[in-house]
Amino acid sequence: MAIHPVYAEAILDGTKKVEFRKRRLAEDIRTVWIYATAPVQRIVGEFHIGETVVDSPETIWSSFGAVGIIEHSEYQSYFAEKTEAVAFVVQGATRYETPVALHELEPRPSIPQSFSYRHA
């Protein structure tokens, strides 16, 4: 999952306890690799999804805004004109000792615009 470095860091240090998205993941996805976007451009860690909550953007904000580490105005802009928001509750985040560049993986994935799937 592509995540801005400031939010990736907040997930890994335990202050960001939920990741907001516009779309759900496949139901069988339990572990998310954290791809920190530019300037890092590496997979810096992973987290497990404790729960996936889908509701209106207003309800999701009421439930998780305090632990989402995003300004309310940015959140509102991200979900502008959307009727549904998704909150992935972060559980068990792990920082990788050595971040991994995408070109080091086989098969080589493309840079995720939001998220991409990789089968083990």
PDB file of N, CA and C in Angstrom:
ATOM      1  N   MET A   1       0.852  -1.163   0.000  1.00  0.00           N
ATOM      2  CA  MET A   1       0.000   0.000   0.000  1.00  0.00           C
ATOM      3  C   MET A   1       0.903   1.233   0.000  1.00  0.00           C
ATOM      4  N   ALA A   2       0.689   2.123  -0.935  1.00  0.00           N
ATOM      5  CA  ALA A   2       1.456   3.358  -1.024  1.00  0.00           C
ATOM      6  C   ALA A   2       0.967   4.335   0.046  1.00  0.00           C
ATOM      7  N   ILE A   3       1.886   4.788   0.880  1.00  0.00           N
ATOM      8  CA  ILE A   3       1.556   5.685   1.990  1.00  0.00           C
ATOM      9  C   ILE A   3       2.624   6.778   2.052  1.00  0.00           C
ATOM     10  N   HIS A   4       2.195   8.016   2.205  1.00  0.00           N
ATOM     11  CA  HIS A   4       3.154   9.119   2.343  1.00  0.00           C
ATOM     12  C   HIS A   4       4.080   8.831   3.524  1.00  0.00           C
ATOM     13  N   PRO A   5       5.362   9.186   3.393  1.00  0.00           N
ATOM     14  CA  PRO A   5       6.343   8.858   4.436  1.00  0.00           C
ATOM     15  C   PRO A   5       5.953   9.296   5.849  1.00  0.00           C
ATOM     16  N   VAL A   6       5.375  10.465   6.001  1.00  0.00           N
ATOM     17  CA  VAL A   6       5.005  10.918   7.346  1.00  0.00           C
ATOM     18  C   VAL A   6       3.963   9.987   7.970  1.00  0.00           C
ATOM     19  N   TYR A   7       3.032   9.492   7.175  1.00  0.00           N
ATOM     20  CA  TYR A   7       2.007   8.579   7.694  1.00  0.00           C
ATOM     21  C   TYR A   7       2.568   7.171   7.874  1.00  0.00           C
ATOM     22  N   ALA A   8       3.467   6.764   6.980  1.00  0.00           N
ATOM     23  CA  ALA A   8       4.128   5.463   7.135  1.00  0.00           C
ATOM     24  C   ALA A   8       4.894   5.422   8.452  1.00  0.00           C
ATOM     25  N   GLU A   9       5.627   6.492   8.733  1.00  0.00           N
ATOM     26  CA  GLU A   9       6.391   6.581   9.978  1.00  0.00           C
ATOM     27  C   GLU A   9       5.467   6.540  11.192  1.00  0.00           C
ATOM     28  N   ALA A  10       4.339   7.238  11.098  1.00  0.00           N
ATOM     29  CA  ALA A  10       3.391   7.263  12.214  1.00  0.00           C
ATOM     30  C   ALA A  10       2.779   5.881  12.460  1.00  0.00           C
ATOM     31  N   ILE A  11       2.546   5.118  11.396  1.00  0.00           N
ATOM     32  CA  ILE A  11       2.062   3.740  11.568  1.00  0.00           C
ATOM     33  C   ILE A  11       3.128   2.915  12.283  1.00  0.00           C
ATOM     34  N   LEU A  12       4.358   3.045  11.818  1.00  0.00           N
ATOM     35  CA  LEU A  12       5.435   2.227  12.371  1.00  0.00           C
ATOM     36  C   LEU A  12       5.798   2.606  13.804  1.00  0.00           C
ATOM     37  N   ASP A  13       5.613   3.868  14.170  1.00  0.00           N
ATOM     38  CA  ASP A  13       5.917   4.240  15.557  1.00  0.00           C
ATOM     39  C   ASP A  13       4.711   4.093  16.485  1.00  0.00           C
ATOM     40  N   GLY A  14       3.584   3.664  15.919  1.00  0.00           N
ATOM     41  CA  GLY A  14       2.414   3.347  16.737  1.00  0.00           C
ATOM     42  C   GLY A  14       1.464   4.495  17.008  1.00  0.00           C
ATOM     43  N   THR A  15       1.736   5.684  16.458  1.00  0.00           N
ATOM     44  CA  THR A  15       0.826   6.800  16.707  1.00  0.00           C
ATOM     45  C   THR A  15      -0.360   6.827  15.750  1.00  0.00           C
ATOM     46  N   LYS A  16      -0.199   6.318  14.545  1.00  0.00           N
ATOM     47  CA  LYS A  16      -1.300   6.225  13.574  1.00  0.00           C
ATOM     48  C   LYS A  16      -1.875   4.821  13.675  1.00  0.00           C
ATOM     49  N   LYS A  17      -3.092   4.737  14.148  1.00  0.00           N
ATOM     50  CA  LYS A  17      -3.697   3.438  14.438  1.00  0.00           C
ATOM     51  C   LYS A  17      -4.738   3.015  13.420  1.00  0.00           C
ATOM     52  N   VAL A  18      -4.933   3.834  12.380  1.00  0.00           N
ATOM     53  CA  VAL A  18      -5.898   3.511  11.345  1.00  0.00           C
ATOM     54  C   VAL A  18      -5.438   4.141  10.028  1.00  0.00           C
ATOM     55  N   GLU A  19      -5.629   3.428   8.933  1.00  0.00           N
ATOM     56  CA  GLU A  19      -5.312   3.941   7.607  1.00  0.00           C
ATOM     57  C   GLU A  19      -6.618   4.128   6.859  1.00  0.00           C
ATOM     58  N   PHE A  20      -6.845   5.335   6.362  1.00  0.00           N
ATOM     59  CA  PHE A  20      -8.069   5.663   5.637  1.00  0.00           C
ATOM     60  C   PHE A  20      -7.874   5.438   4.144  1.00  0.00           C
ATOM     61  N   ARG A  21      -8.875   4.840   3.518  1.00  0.00           N
ATOM     62  CA  ARG A  21      -8.839   4.602   2.078  1.00  0.00           C
ATOM     63  C   ARG A  21     -10.231   4.767   1.492  1.00  0.00           C
ATOM     64  N   LYS A  22     -10.260   4.940   0.178  1.00  0.00           N
ATOM     65  CA  LYS A  22     -11.530   5.074  -0.535  1.00  0.00           C
ATOM     66  C   LYS A  22     -12.086   3.723  -0.962  1.00  0.00           C
ATOM     67  N   ARG A  23     -11.238   2.720  -0.986  1.00  0.00           N
ATOM     68  CA  ARG A  23     -11.665   1.393  -1.442  1.00  0.00           C
ATOM     69  C   ARG A  23     -11.253   0.318  -0.447  1.00  0.00           C
ATOM     70  N   ARG A  24     -12.035  -0.732  -0.437  1.00  0.00           N
ATOM     71  CA  ARG A  24     -11.710  -1.902   0.393  1.00  0.00           C
ATOM     72  C   ARG A  24     -10.623  -2.715  -0.280  1.00  0.00           C
ATOM     73  N   LEU A  25     -10.001  -3.574   0.492  1.00  0.00           N
ATOM     74  CA  LEU A  25      -9.075  -4.573  -0.041  1.00  0.00           C
ATOM     75  C   LEU A  25      -9.842  -5.878  -0.218  1.00  0.00           C
ATOM     76  N   ALA A  26      -9.255  -6.812  -0.914  1.00  0.00           N
ATOM     77  CA  ALA A  26      -9.847  -8.144  -1.014  1.00  0.00           C
ATOM     78  C   ALA A  26     -10.006  -8.706   0.398  1.00  0.00           C
ATOM     79  N   GLU A  27     -11.038  -9.472   0.606  1.00  0.00           N
ATOM     80  CA  GLU A  27     -11.367  -9.962   1.951  1.00  0.00           C
ATOM     81  C   GLU A  27     -10.287 -10.843   2.570  1.00  0.00           C
ATOM     82  N   ASP A  28      -9.467 -11.489   1.729  1.00  0.00           N
ATOM     83  CA  ASP A  28      -8.455 -12.400   2.275  1.00  0.00           C
ATOM     84  C   ASP A  28      -7.138 -11.698   2.627  1.00  0.00           C
ATOM     85  N   ILE A  29      -7.045 -10.394   2.414  1.00  0.00           N
ATOM     86  CA  ILE A  29      -5.824  -9.655   2.737  1.00  0.00           C
ATOM     87  C   ILE A  29      -5.801  -9.354   4.232  1.00  0.00           C
ATOM     88  N   ARG A  30      -4.752  -9.794   4.896  1.00  0.00           N
ATOM     89  CA  ARG A  30      -4.592  -9.573   6.336  1.00  0.00           C
ATOM     90  C   ARG A  30      -3.330  -8.778   6.654  1.00  0.00           C
ATOM     91  N   THR A  31      -2.337  -8.858   5.759  1.00  0.00           N
ATOM     92  CA  THR A  31      -1.062  -8.177   5.968  1.00  0.00           C
ATOM     93  C   THR A  31      -0.839  -7.176   4.837  1.00  0.00           C
ATOM     94  N   VAL A  32      -0.402  -5.981   5.205  1.00  0.00           N
ATOM     95  CA  VAL A  32      -0.158  -4.904   4.243  1.00  0.00           C
ATOM     96  C   VAL A  32       1.304  -4.511   4.313  1.00  0.00           C
ATOM     97  N   TRP A  33       1.970  -4.508   3.169  1.00  0.00           N
ATOM     98  CA  TRP A  33       3.310  -3.947   3.094  1.00  0.00           C
ATOM     99  C   TRP A  33       3.164  -2.446   2.991  1.00  0.00           C
ATOM    100  N   ILE A  34       3.972  -1.724   3.720  1.00  0.00           N
ATOM    101  CA  ILE A  34       3.941  -0.265   3.708  1.00  0.00           C
ATOM    102  C   ILE A  34       5.002   0.236   2.733  1.00  0.00           C
ATOM    103  N   TYR A  35       4.537   0.747   1.587  1.00  0.00           N
ATOM    104  CA  TYR A  35       5.436   1.355   0.603  1.00  0.00           C
ATOM    105  C   TYR A  35       5.429   2.857   0.855  1.00  0.00           C
ATOM    106  N   ALA A  36       6.523   3.384   1.404  1.00  0.00           N
ATOM    107  CA  ALA A  36       6.634   4.819   1.649  1.00  0.00           C
ATOM    108  C   ALA A  36       6.941   5.496   0.309  1.00  0.00           C
ATOM    109  N   THR A  37       6.088   6.433  -0.067  1.00  0.00           N
ATOM    110  CA  THR A  37       6.238   7.115  -1.344  1.00  0.00           C
ATOM    111  C   THR A  37       7.450   8.044  -1.324  1.00  0.00           C
ATOM    112  N   ALA A  38       7.656   8.795  -2.412  1.00  0.00           N
ATOM    113  CA  ALA A  38       8.808   9.695  -2.549  1.00  0.00           C
ATOM    114  C   ALA A  38       8.888  10.645  -1.354  1.00  0.00           C
ATOM    115  N   PRO A  39      10.069  10.897  -0.885  1.00  0.00           N
ATOM    116  CA  PRO A  39      11.358  10.554  -1.473  1.00  0.00           C
ATOM    117  C   PRO A  39      11.916   9.190  -1.051  1.00  0.00           C
ATOM    118  N   VAL A  40      11.232   8.466  -0.154  1.00  0.00           N
ATOM    119  CA  VAL A  40      11.750   7.188   0.359  1.00  0.00           C
ATOM    120  C   VAL A  40      11.707   6.102  -0.714  1.00  0.00           C
ATOM    121  N   GLN A  41      10.553   5.869  -1.297  1.00  0.00           N
ATOM    122  CA  GLN A  41      10.336   4.890  -2.363  1.00  0.00           C
ATOM    123  C   GLN A  41      10.861   3.493  -2.022  1.00  0.00           C
ATOM    124  N   ARG A  42      10.456   3.030  -0.850  1.00  0.00           N
ATOM    125  CA  ARG A  42      10.850   1.699  -0.378  1.00  0.00           C
ATOM    126  C   ARG A  42       9.709   1.092   0.426  1.00  0.00           C
ATOM    127  N   ILE A  43       9.704  -0.231   0.525  1.00  0.00           N
ATOM    128  CA  ILE A  43       8.814  -0.928   1.447  1.00  0.00           C
ATOM    129  C   ILE A  43       9.524  -0.870   2.793  1.00  0.00           C
ATOM    130  N   VAL A  44       8.931  -0.152   3.736  1.00  0.00           N
ATOM    131  CA  VAL A  44       9.605   0.135   5.002  1.00  0.00           C
ATOM    132  C   VAL A  44       9.117  -0.728   6.156  1.00  0.00           C
ATOM    133  N   GLY A  45       8.038  -1.465   5.938  1.00  0.00           N
ATOM    134  CA  GLY A  45       7.506  -2.301   7.002  1.00  0.00           C
ATOM    135  C   GLY A  45       6.181  -2.901   6.581  1.00  0.00           C
ATOM    136  N   GLU A  46       5.465  -3.390   7.562  1.00  0.00           N
ATOM    137  CA  GLU A  46       4.166  -4.005   7.298  1.00  0.00           C
ATOM    138  C   GLU A  46       3.284  -3.852   8.524  1.00  0.00           C
ATOM    139  N   PHE A  47       1.993  -4.036   8.292  1.00  0.00           N
ATOM    140  CA  PHE A  47       1.063  -4.099   9.414  1.00  0.00           C
ATOM    141  C   PHE A  47      -0.025  -5.102   9.108  1.00  0.00           C
ATOM    142  N   HIS A  48      -0.639  -5.583  10.166  1.00  0.00           N
ATOM    143  CA  HIS A  48      -1.767  -6.493  10.030  1.00  0.00           C
ATOM    144  C   HIS A  48      -3.044  -5.680  10.176  1.00  0.00           C
ATOM    145  N   ILE A  49      -4.045  -6.079   9.440  1.00  0.00           N
ATOM    146  CA  ILE A  49      -5.337  -5.421   9.528  1.00  0.00           C
ATOM    147  C   ILE A  49      -6.124  -6.078  10.651  1.00  0.00           C
ATOM    148  N   GLY A  50      -6.376  -5.318  11.704  1.00  0.00           N
ATOM    149  CA  GLY A  50      -7.141  -5.836  12.832  1.00  0.00           C
ATOM    150  C   GLY A  50      -8.624  -5.879  12.536  1.00  0.00           C
ATOM    151  N   GLU A  51      -9.081  -4.886  11.771  1.00  0.00           N
ATOM    152  CA  GLU A  51     -10.494  -4.768  11.439  1.00  0.00           C
ATOM    153  C   GLU A  51     -10.603  -3.825  10.250  1.00  0.00           C
ATOM    154  N   THR A  52     -11.578  -4.072   9.397  1.00  0.00           N
ATOM    155  CA  THR A  52     -11.904  -3.164   8.304  1.00  0.00           C
ATOM    156  C   THR A  52     -13.287  -2.612   8.576  1.00  0.00           C
ATOM    157  N   VAL A  53     -13.385  -1.281   8.653  1.00  0.00           N
ATOM    158  CA  VAL A  53     -14.654  -0.622   8.949  1.00  0.00           C
ATOM    159  C   VAL A  53     -15.036   0.214   7.730  1.00  0.00           C
ATOM    160  N   VAL A  54     -16.249   0.017   7.242  1.00  0.00           N
ATOM    161  CA  VAL A  54     -16.752   0.751   6.087  1.00  0.00           C
ATOM    162  C   VAL A  54     -18.012   1.492   6.512  1.00  0.00           C
ATOM    163  N   ASP A  55     -18.020   2.802   6.260  1.00  0.00           N
ATOM    164  CA  ASP A  55     -19.180   3.621   6.631  1.00  0.00           C
ATOM    165  C   ASP A  55     -19.059   4.951   5.898  1.00  0.00           C
ATOM    166  N   SER A  56     -19.900   5.879   6.246  1.00  0.00           N
ATOM    167  CA  SER A  56     -19.819   7.207   5.641  1.00  0.00           C
ATOM    168  C   SER A  56     -18.538   7.886   6.114  1.00  0.00           C
ATOM    169  N   PRO A  57     -17.998   8.813   5.315  1.00  0.00           N
ATOM    170  CA  PRO A  57     -16.805   9.535   5.768  1.00  0.00           C
ATOM    171  C   PRO A  57     -17.008  10.232   7.116  1.00  0.00           C
ATOM    172  N   GLU A  58     -18.195  10.760   7.352  1.00  0.00           N
ATOM    173  CA  GLU A  58     -18.463  11.443   8.620  1.00  0.00           C
ATOM    174  C   GLU A  58     -18.405  10.476   9.799  1.00  0.00           C
ATOM    175  N   THR A  59     -18.997   9.305   9.633  1.00  0.00           N
ATOM    176  CA  THR A  59     -19.006   8.307  10.708  1.00  0.00           C
ATOM    177  C   THR A  59     -17.603   7.759  10.960  1.00  0.00           C
ATOM    178  N   ILE A  60     -16.869   7.498   9.884  1.00  0.00           N
ATOM    179  CA  ILE A  60     -15.492   7.004  10.036  1.00  0.00           C
ATOM    180  C   ILE A  60     -14.652   8.051  10.768  1.00  0.00           C
ATOM    181  N   TRP A  61     -14.796   9.326  10.417  1.00  0.00           N
ATOM    182  CA  TRP A  61     -14.045  10.378  11.105  1.00  0.00           C
ATOM    183  C   TRP A  61     -14.418  10.430  12.587  1.00  0.00           C
ATOM    184  N   SER A  62     -15.704  10.348  12.873  1.00  0.00           N
ATOM    185  CA  SER A  62     -16.144  10.383  14.274  1.00  0.00           C
ATOM    186  C   SER A  62     -15.537   9.247  15.076  1.00  0.00           C
ATOM    187  N   SER A  63     -15.430   8.088  14.447  1.00  0.00           N
ATOM    188  CA  SER A  63     -14.903   6.907  15.137  1.00  0.00           C
ATOM    189  C   SER A  63     -13.386   6.888  15.223  1.00  0.00           C
ATOM    190  N   PHE A  64     -12.694   7.370  14.170  1.00  0.00           N
ATOM    191  CA  PHE A  64     -11.250   7.156  14.073  1.00  0.00           C
ATOM    192  C   PHE A  64     -10.406   8.401  13.839  1.00  0.00           C
ATOM    193  N   GLY A  65     -11.034   9.552  13.698  1.00  0.00           N
ATOM    194  CA  GLY A  65     -10.270  10.761  13.404  1.00  0.00           C
ATOM    195  C   GLY A  65      -9.166  11.046  14.403  1.00  0.00           C
ATOM    196  N   ALA A  66      -9.408  10.767  15.664  1.00  0.00           N
ATOM    197  CA  ALA A  66      -8.425  11.053  16.715  1.00  0.00           C
ATOM    198  C   ALA A  66      -7.173  10.194  16.613  1.00  0.00           C
ATOM    199  N   VAL A  67      -7.247   9.048  15.936  1.00  0.00           N
ATOM    200  CA  VAL A  67      -6.086   8.157  15.838  1.00  0.00           C
ATOM    201  C   VAL A  67      -5.600   7.986  14.399  1.00  0.00           C
ATOM    202  N   GLY A  68      -6.102   8.830  13.499  1.00  0.00           N
ATOM    203  CA  GLY A  68      -5.742   8.729  12.090  1.00  0.00           C
ATOM    204  C   GLY A  68      -4.572   9.592  11.668  1.00  0.00           C
ATOM    205  N   ILE A  69      -4.125  10.496  12.539  1.00  0.00           N
ATOM    206  CA  ILE A  69      -2.968  11.365  12.295  1.00  0.00           C
ATOM    207  C   ILE A  69      -3.086  12.082  10.943  1.00  0.00           C
ATOM    208  N   ILE A  70      -4.234  12.676  10.706  1.00  0.00           N
ATOM    209  CA  ILE A  70      -4.440  13.489   9.511  1.00  0.00           C
ATOM    210  C   ILE A  70      -5.320  14.664   9.931  1.00  0.00           C
ATOM    211  N   GLU A  71      -5.058  15.811   9.374  1.00  0.00           N
ATOM    212  CA  GLU A  71      -5.879  16.977   9.662  1.00  0.00           C
ATOM    213  C   GLU A  71      -7.279  16.763   9.096  1.00  0.00           C
ATOM    214  N   HIS A  72      -8.276  17.257   9.809  1.00  0.00           N
ATOM    215  CA  HIS A  72      -9.658  17.086   9.378  1.00  0.00           C
ATOM    216  C   HIS A  72      -9.883  17.680   7.983  1.00  0.00           C
ATOM    217  N   SER A  73      -9.278  18.806   7.692  1.00  0.00           N
ATOM    218  CA  SER A  73      -9.444  19.433   6.371  1.00  0.00           C
ATOM    219  C   SER A  73      -8.870  18.548   5.257  1.00  0.00           C
ATOM    220  N   GLU A  74      -7.721  17.904   5.504  1.00  0.00           N
ATOM    221  CA  GLU A  74      -7.140  16.986   4.517  1.00  0.00           C
ATOM    222  C   GLU A  74      -8.031  15.769   4.327  1.00  0.00           C
ATOM    223  N   TYR A  75      -8.555  15.259   5.428  1.00  0.00           N
ATOM    224  CA  TYR A  75      -9.473  14.111   5.385  1.00  0.00           C
ATOM    225  C   TYR A  75     -10.701  14.473   4.547  1.00  0.00           C
ATOM    226  N   GLN A  76     -11.282  15.622   4.807  1.00  0.00           N
ATOM    227  CA  GLN A  76     -12.473  16.050   4.067  1.00  0.00           C
ATOM    228  C   GLN A  76     -12.167  16.204   2.584  1.00  0.00           C
ATOM    229  N   SER A  77     -11.028  16.739   2.264  1.00  0.00           N
ATOM    230  CA  SER A  77     -10.633  16.894   0.866  1.00  0.00           C
ATOM    231  C   SER A  77     -10.460  15.529   0.195  1.00  0.00           C
ATOM    232  N   TYR A  78      -9.825  14.591   0.897  1.00  0.00           N
ATOM    233  CA  TYR A  78      -9.592  13.246   0.363  1.00  0.00           C
ATOM    234  C   TYR A  78     -10.913  12.538   0.053  1.00  0.00           C
ATOM    235  N   PHE A  79     -11.901  12.710   0.914  1.00  0.00           N
ATOM    236  CA  PHE A  79     -13.182  12.033   0.738  1.00  0.00           C
ATOM    237  C   PHE A  79     -14.266  12.924   0.121  1.00  0.00           C
ATOM    238  N   ALA A  80     -13.870  14.056  -0.464  1.00  0.00           N
ATOM    239  CA  ALA A  80     -14.849  14.959  -1.076  1.00  0.00           C
ATOM    240  C   ALA A  80     -15.707  14.205  -2.084  1.00  0.00           C
ATOM    241  N   GLU A  81     -17.003  14.369  -1.950  1.00  0.00           N
ATOM    242  CA  GLU A  81     -17.992  13.770  -2.854  1.00  0.00           C
ATOM    243  C   GLU A  81     -18.063  12.242  -2.764  1.00  0.00           C
ATOM    244  N   LYS A  82     -17.438  11.640  -1.770  1.00  0.00           N
ATOM    245  CA  LYS A  82     -17.539  10.195  -1.564  1.00  0.00           C
ATOM    246  C   LYS A  82     -18.615   9.910  -0.533  1.00  0.00           C
ATOM    247  N   THR A  83     -19.327   8.808  -0.716  1.00  0.00           N
ATOM    248  CA  THR A  83     -20.359   8.418   0.242  1.00  0.00           C
ATOM    249  C   THR A  83     -19.881   7.310   1.165  1.00  0.00           C
ATOM    250  N   GLU A  84     -18.724   6.736   0.827  1.00  0.00           N
ATOM    251  CA  GLU A  84     -18.203   5.621   1.606  1.00  0.00           C
ATOM    252  C   GLU A  84     -16.727   5.841   1.895  1.00  0.00           C
ATOM    253  N   ALA A  85     -16.328   5.544   3.122  1.00  0.00           N
ATOM    254  CA  ALA A  85     -14.927   5.592   3.530  1.00  0.00           C
ATOM    255  C   ALA A  85     -14.574   4.259   4.168  1.00  0.00           C
ATOM    256  N   VAL A  86     -13.311   3.895   4.054  1.00  0.00           N
ATOM    257  CA  VAL A  86     -12.824   2.641   4.620  1.00  0.00           C
ATOM    258  C   VAL A  86     -11.728   2.970   5.628  1.00  0.00           C
ATOM    259  N   ALA A  87     -11.796   2.333   6.783  1.00  0.00           N
ATOM    260  CA  ALA A  87     -10.768   2.478   7.813  1.00  0.00           C
ATOM    261  C   ALA A  87     -10.173   1.095   8.088  1.00  0.00           C
ATOM    262  N   PHE A  88      -8.866   0.977   7.856  1.00  0.00           N
ATOM    263  CA  PHE A  88      -8.159  -0.255   8.191  1.00  0.00           C
ATOM    264  C   PHE A  88      -7.508  -0.033   9.558  1.00  0.00           C
ATOM    265  N   VAL A  89      -7.951  -0.790  10.533  1.00  0.00           N
ATOM    266  CA  VAL A  89      -7.398  -0.665  11.876  1.00  0.00           C
ATOM    267  C   VAL A  89      -6.052  -1.381  11.898  1.00  0.00           C
ATOM    268  N   VAL A  90      -5.008  -0.620  12.235  1.00  0.00           N
ATOM    269  CA  VAL A  90      -3.636  -1.128  12.228  1.00  0.00           C
ATOM    270  C   VAL A  90      -3.403  -1.975  13.467  1.00  0.00           C
ATOM    271  N   GLN A  91      -2.824  -3.135  13.241  1.00  0.00           N
ATOM    272  CA  GLN A  91      -2.489  -4.045  14.339  1.00  0.00           C
ATOM    273  C   GLN A  91      -1.127  -4.651  14.031  1.00  0.00           C
ATOM    274  N   GLY A  92      -0.249  -4.635  14.996  1.00  0.00           N
ATOM    275  CA  GLY A  92       1.033  -5.323  14.838  1.00  0.00           C
ATOM    276  C   GLY A  92       1.927  -4.774  13.746  1.00  0.00           C
ATOM    277  N   ALA A  93       2.172  -3.458  13.738  1.00  0.00           N
ATOM    278  CA  ALA A  93       3.076  -2.879  12.744  1.00  0.00           C
ATOM    279  C   ALA A  93       4.519  -3.276  13.040  1.00  0.00           C
ATOM    280  N   THR A  94       5.255  -3.598  11.974  1.00  0.00           N
ATOM    281  CA  THR A  94       6.654  -3.997  12.072  1.00  0.00           C
ATOM    282  C   THR A  94       7.486  -3.177  11.100  1.00  0.00           C
ATOM    283  N   ARG A  95       8.547  -2.562  11.631  1.00  0.00           N
ATOM    284  CA  ARG A  95       9.481  -1.801  10.787  1.00  0.00           C
ATOM    285  C   ARG A  95      10.557  -2.766  10.276  1.00  0.00           C
ATOM    286  N   TYR A  96      10.843  -2.717   8.985  1.00  0.00           N
ATOM    287  CA  TYR A  96      11.911  -3.535   8.432  1.00  0.00           C
ATOM    288  C   TYR A  96      13.263  -2.898   8.753  1.00  0.00           C
ATOM    289  N   GLU A  97      14.227  -3.709   9.164  1.00  0.00           N
ATOM    290  CA  GLU A  97      15.577  -3.206   9.436  1.00  0.00           C
ATOM    291  C   GLU A  97      16.172  -2.573   8.191  1.00  0.00           C
ATOM    292  N   THR A  98      15.948  -3.227   7.064  1.00  0.00           N
ATOM    293  CA  THR A  98      16.453  -2.729   5.795  1.00  0.00           C
ATOM    294  C   THR A  98      15.269  -2.554   4.853  1.00  0.00           C
ATOM    295  N   PRO A  99      14.887  -1.309   4.551  1.00  0.00           N
ATOM    296  CA  PRO A  99      13.795  -1.086   3.605  1.00  0.00           C
ATOM    297  C   PRO A  99      14.112  -1.732   2.259  1.00  0.00           C
ATOM    298  N   VAL A 100      13.069  -2.159   1.560  1.00  0.00           N
ATOM    299  CA  VAL A 100      13.223  -2.917   0.319  1.00  0.00           C
ATOM    300  C   VAL A 100      12.746  -2.084  -0.870  1.00  0.00           C
ATOM    301  N   ALA A 101      13.608  -1.935  -1.864  1.00  0.00           N
ATOM    302  CA  ALA A 101      13.223  -1.261  -3.106  1.00  0.00           C
ATOM    303  C   ALA A 101      12.413  -2.244  -3.956  1.00  0.00           C
ATOM    304  N   LEU A 102      11.466  -1.727  -4.703  1.00  0.00           N
ATOM    305  CA  LEU A 102      10.614  -2.599  -5.520  1.00  0.00           C
ATOM    306  C   LEU A 102      11.425  -3.400  -6.527  1.00  0.00           C
ATOM    307  N   HIS A 103      12.504  -2.832  -7.051  1.00  0.00           N
ATOM    308  CA  HIS A 103      13.297  -3.559  -8.055  1.00  0.00           C
ATOM    309  C   HIS A 103      14.025  -4.770  -7.458  1.00  0.00           C
ATOM    310  N   GLU A 104      14.044  -4.884  -6.138  1.00  0.00           N
ATOM    311  CA  GLU A 104      14.683  -6.029  -5.482  1.00  0.00           C
ATOM    312  C   GLU A 104      13.755  -7.234  -5.395  1.00  0.00           C
ATOM    313  N   LEU A 105      12.473  -7.051  -5.715  1.00  0.00           N
ATOM    314  CA  LEU A 105      11.493  -8.134  -5.616  1.00  0.00           C
ATOM    315  C   LEU A 105      11.324  -8.846  -6.952  1.00  0.00           C
ATOM    316  N   GLU A 106      11.023 -10.118  -6.867  1.00  0.00           N
ATOM    317  CA  GLU A 106      10.720 -10.924  -8.062  1.00  0.00           C
ATOM    318  C   GLU A 106       9.390 -11.617  -7.839  1.00  0.00           C
ATOM    319  N   PRO A 107       8.449 -11.530  -8.734  1.00  0.00           N
ATOM    320  CA  PRO A 107       8.494 -10.660  -9.910  1.00  0.00           C
ATOM    321  C   PRO A 107       8.424  -9.211  -9.481  1.00  0.00           C
ATOM    322  N   ARG A 108       9.005  -8.360 -10.282  1.00  0.00           N
ATOM    323  CA  ARG A 108       9.112  -6.935  -9.947  1.00  0.00           C
ATOM    324  C   ARG A 108       7.749  -6.247 -10.078  1.00  0.00           C
ATOM    325  N   PRO A 109       7.214  -5.743  -8.964  1.00  0.00           N
ATOM    326  CA  PRO A 109       5.923  -5.058  -9.038  1.00  0.00           C
ATOM    327  C   PRO A 109       6.100  -3.613  -9.509  1.00  0.00           C
ATOM    328  N   SER A 110       5.014  -3.037  -9.973  1.00  0.00           N
ATOM    329  CA  SER A 110       5.053  -1.618 -10.322  1.00  0.00           C
ATOM    330  C   SER A 110       4.807  -0.802  -9.062  1.00  0.00           C
ATOM    331  N   ILE A 111       5.101   0.477  -9.129  1.00  0.00           N
ATOM    332  CA  ILE A 111       4.856   1.355  -7.996  1.00  0.00           C
ATOM    333  C   ILE A 111       3.351   1.445  -7.804  1.00  0.00           C
ATOM    334  N   PRO A 112       2.875   1.107  -6.608  1.00  0.00           N
ATOM    335  CA  PRO A 112       1.426   1.152  -6.394  1.00  0.00           C
ATOM    336  C   PRO A 112       0.917   2.595  -6.344  1.00  0.00           C
ATOM    337  N   GLN A 113      -0.159   2.881  -7.085  1.00  0.00           N
ATOM    338  CA  GLN A 113      -0.769   4.203  -7.028  1.00  0.00           C
ATOM    339  C   GLN A 113      -1.526   4.362  -5.714  1.00  0.00           C
ATOM    340  N   SER A 114      -2.141   3.304  -5.268  1.00  0.00           N
ATOM    341  CA  SER A 114      -2.829   3.290  -3.991  1.00  0.00           C
ATOM    342  C   SER A 114      -2.406   2.028  -3.252  1.00  0.00           C
ATOM    343  N   PHE A 115      -2.690   0.887  -3.882  1.00  0.00           N
ATOM    344  CA  PHE A 115      -2.225  -0.382  -3.365  1.00  0.00           C
ATOM    345  C   PHE A 115      -2.161  -1.369  -4.517  1.00  0.00           C
ATOM    346  N   SER A 116      -1.408  -2.432  -4.339  1.00  0.00           N
ATOM    347  CA  SER A 116      -1.360  -3.512  -5.313  1.00  0.00           C
ATOM    348  C   SER A 116      -1.252  -4.807  -4.527  1.00  0.00           C
ATOM    349  N   TYR A 117      -1.599  -5.895  -5.194  1.00  0.00           N
ATOM    350  CA  TYR A 117      -1.588  -7.200  -4.553  1.00  0.00           C
ATOM    351  C   TYR A 117      -0.380  -7.993  -4.987  1.00  0.00           C
ATOM    352  N   ARG A 118       0.167  -8.750  -4.045  1.00  0.00           N
ATOM    353  CA  ARG A 118       1.264  -9.665  -4.346  1.00  0.00           C
ATOM    354  C   ARG A 118       0.923 -10.976  -3.667  1.00  0.00           C
ATOM    355  N   HIS A 119       0.877 -12.027  -4.442  1.00  0.00           N
ATOM    356  CA  HIS A 119       0.547 -13.344  -3.883  1.00  0.00           C
ATOM    357  C   HIS A 119       1.821 -14.022  -3.415  1.00  0.00           C
ATOM    358  N   ALA A 120       1.730 -14.605  -2.237  1.00  0.00           N
ATOM    359  CA  ALA A 120       2.902 -15.291  -1.654  1.00  0.00           C
ATOM    360  C   ALA A 120       3.137 -16.612  -2.321  1.00  0.00           C
TER     361      ALA A 120
END
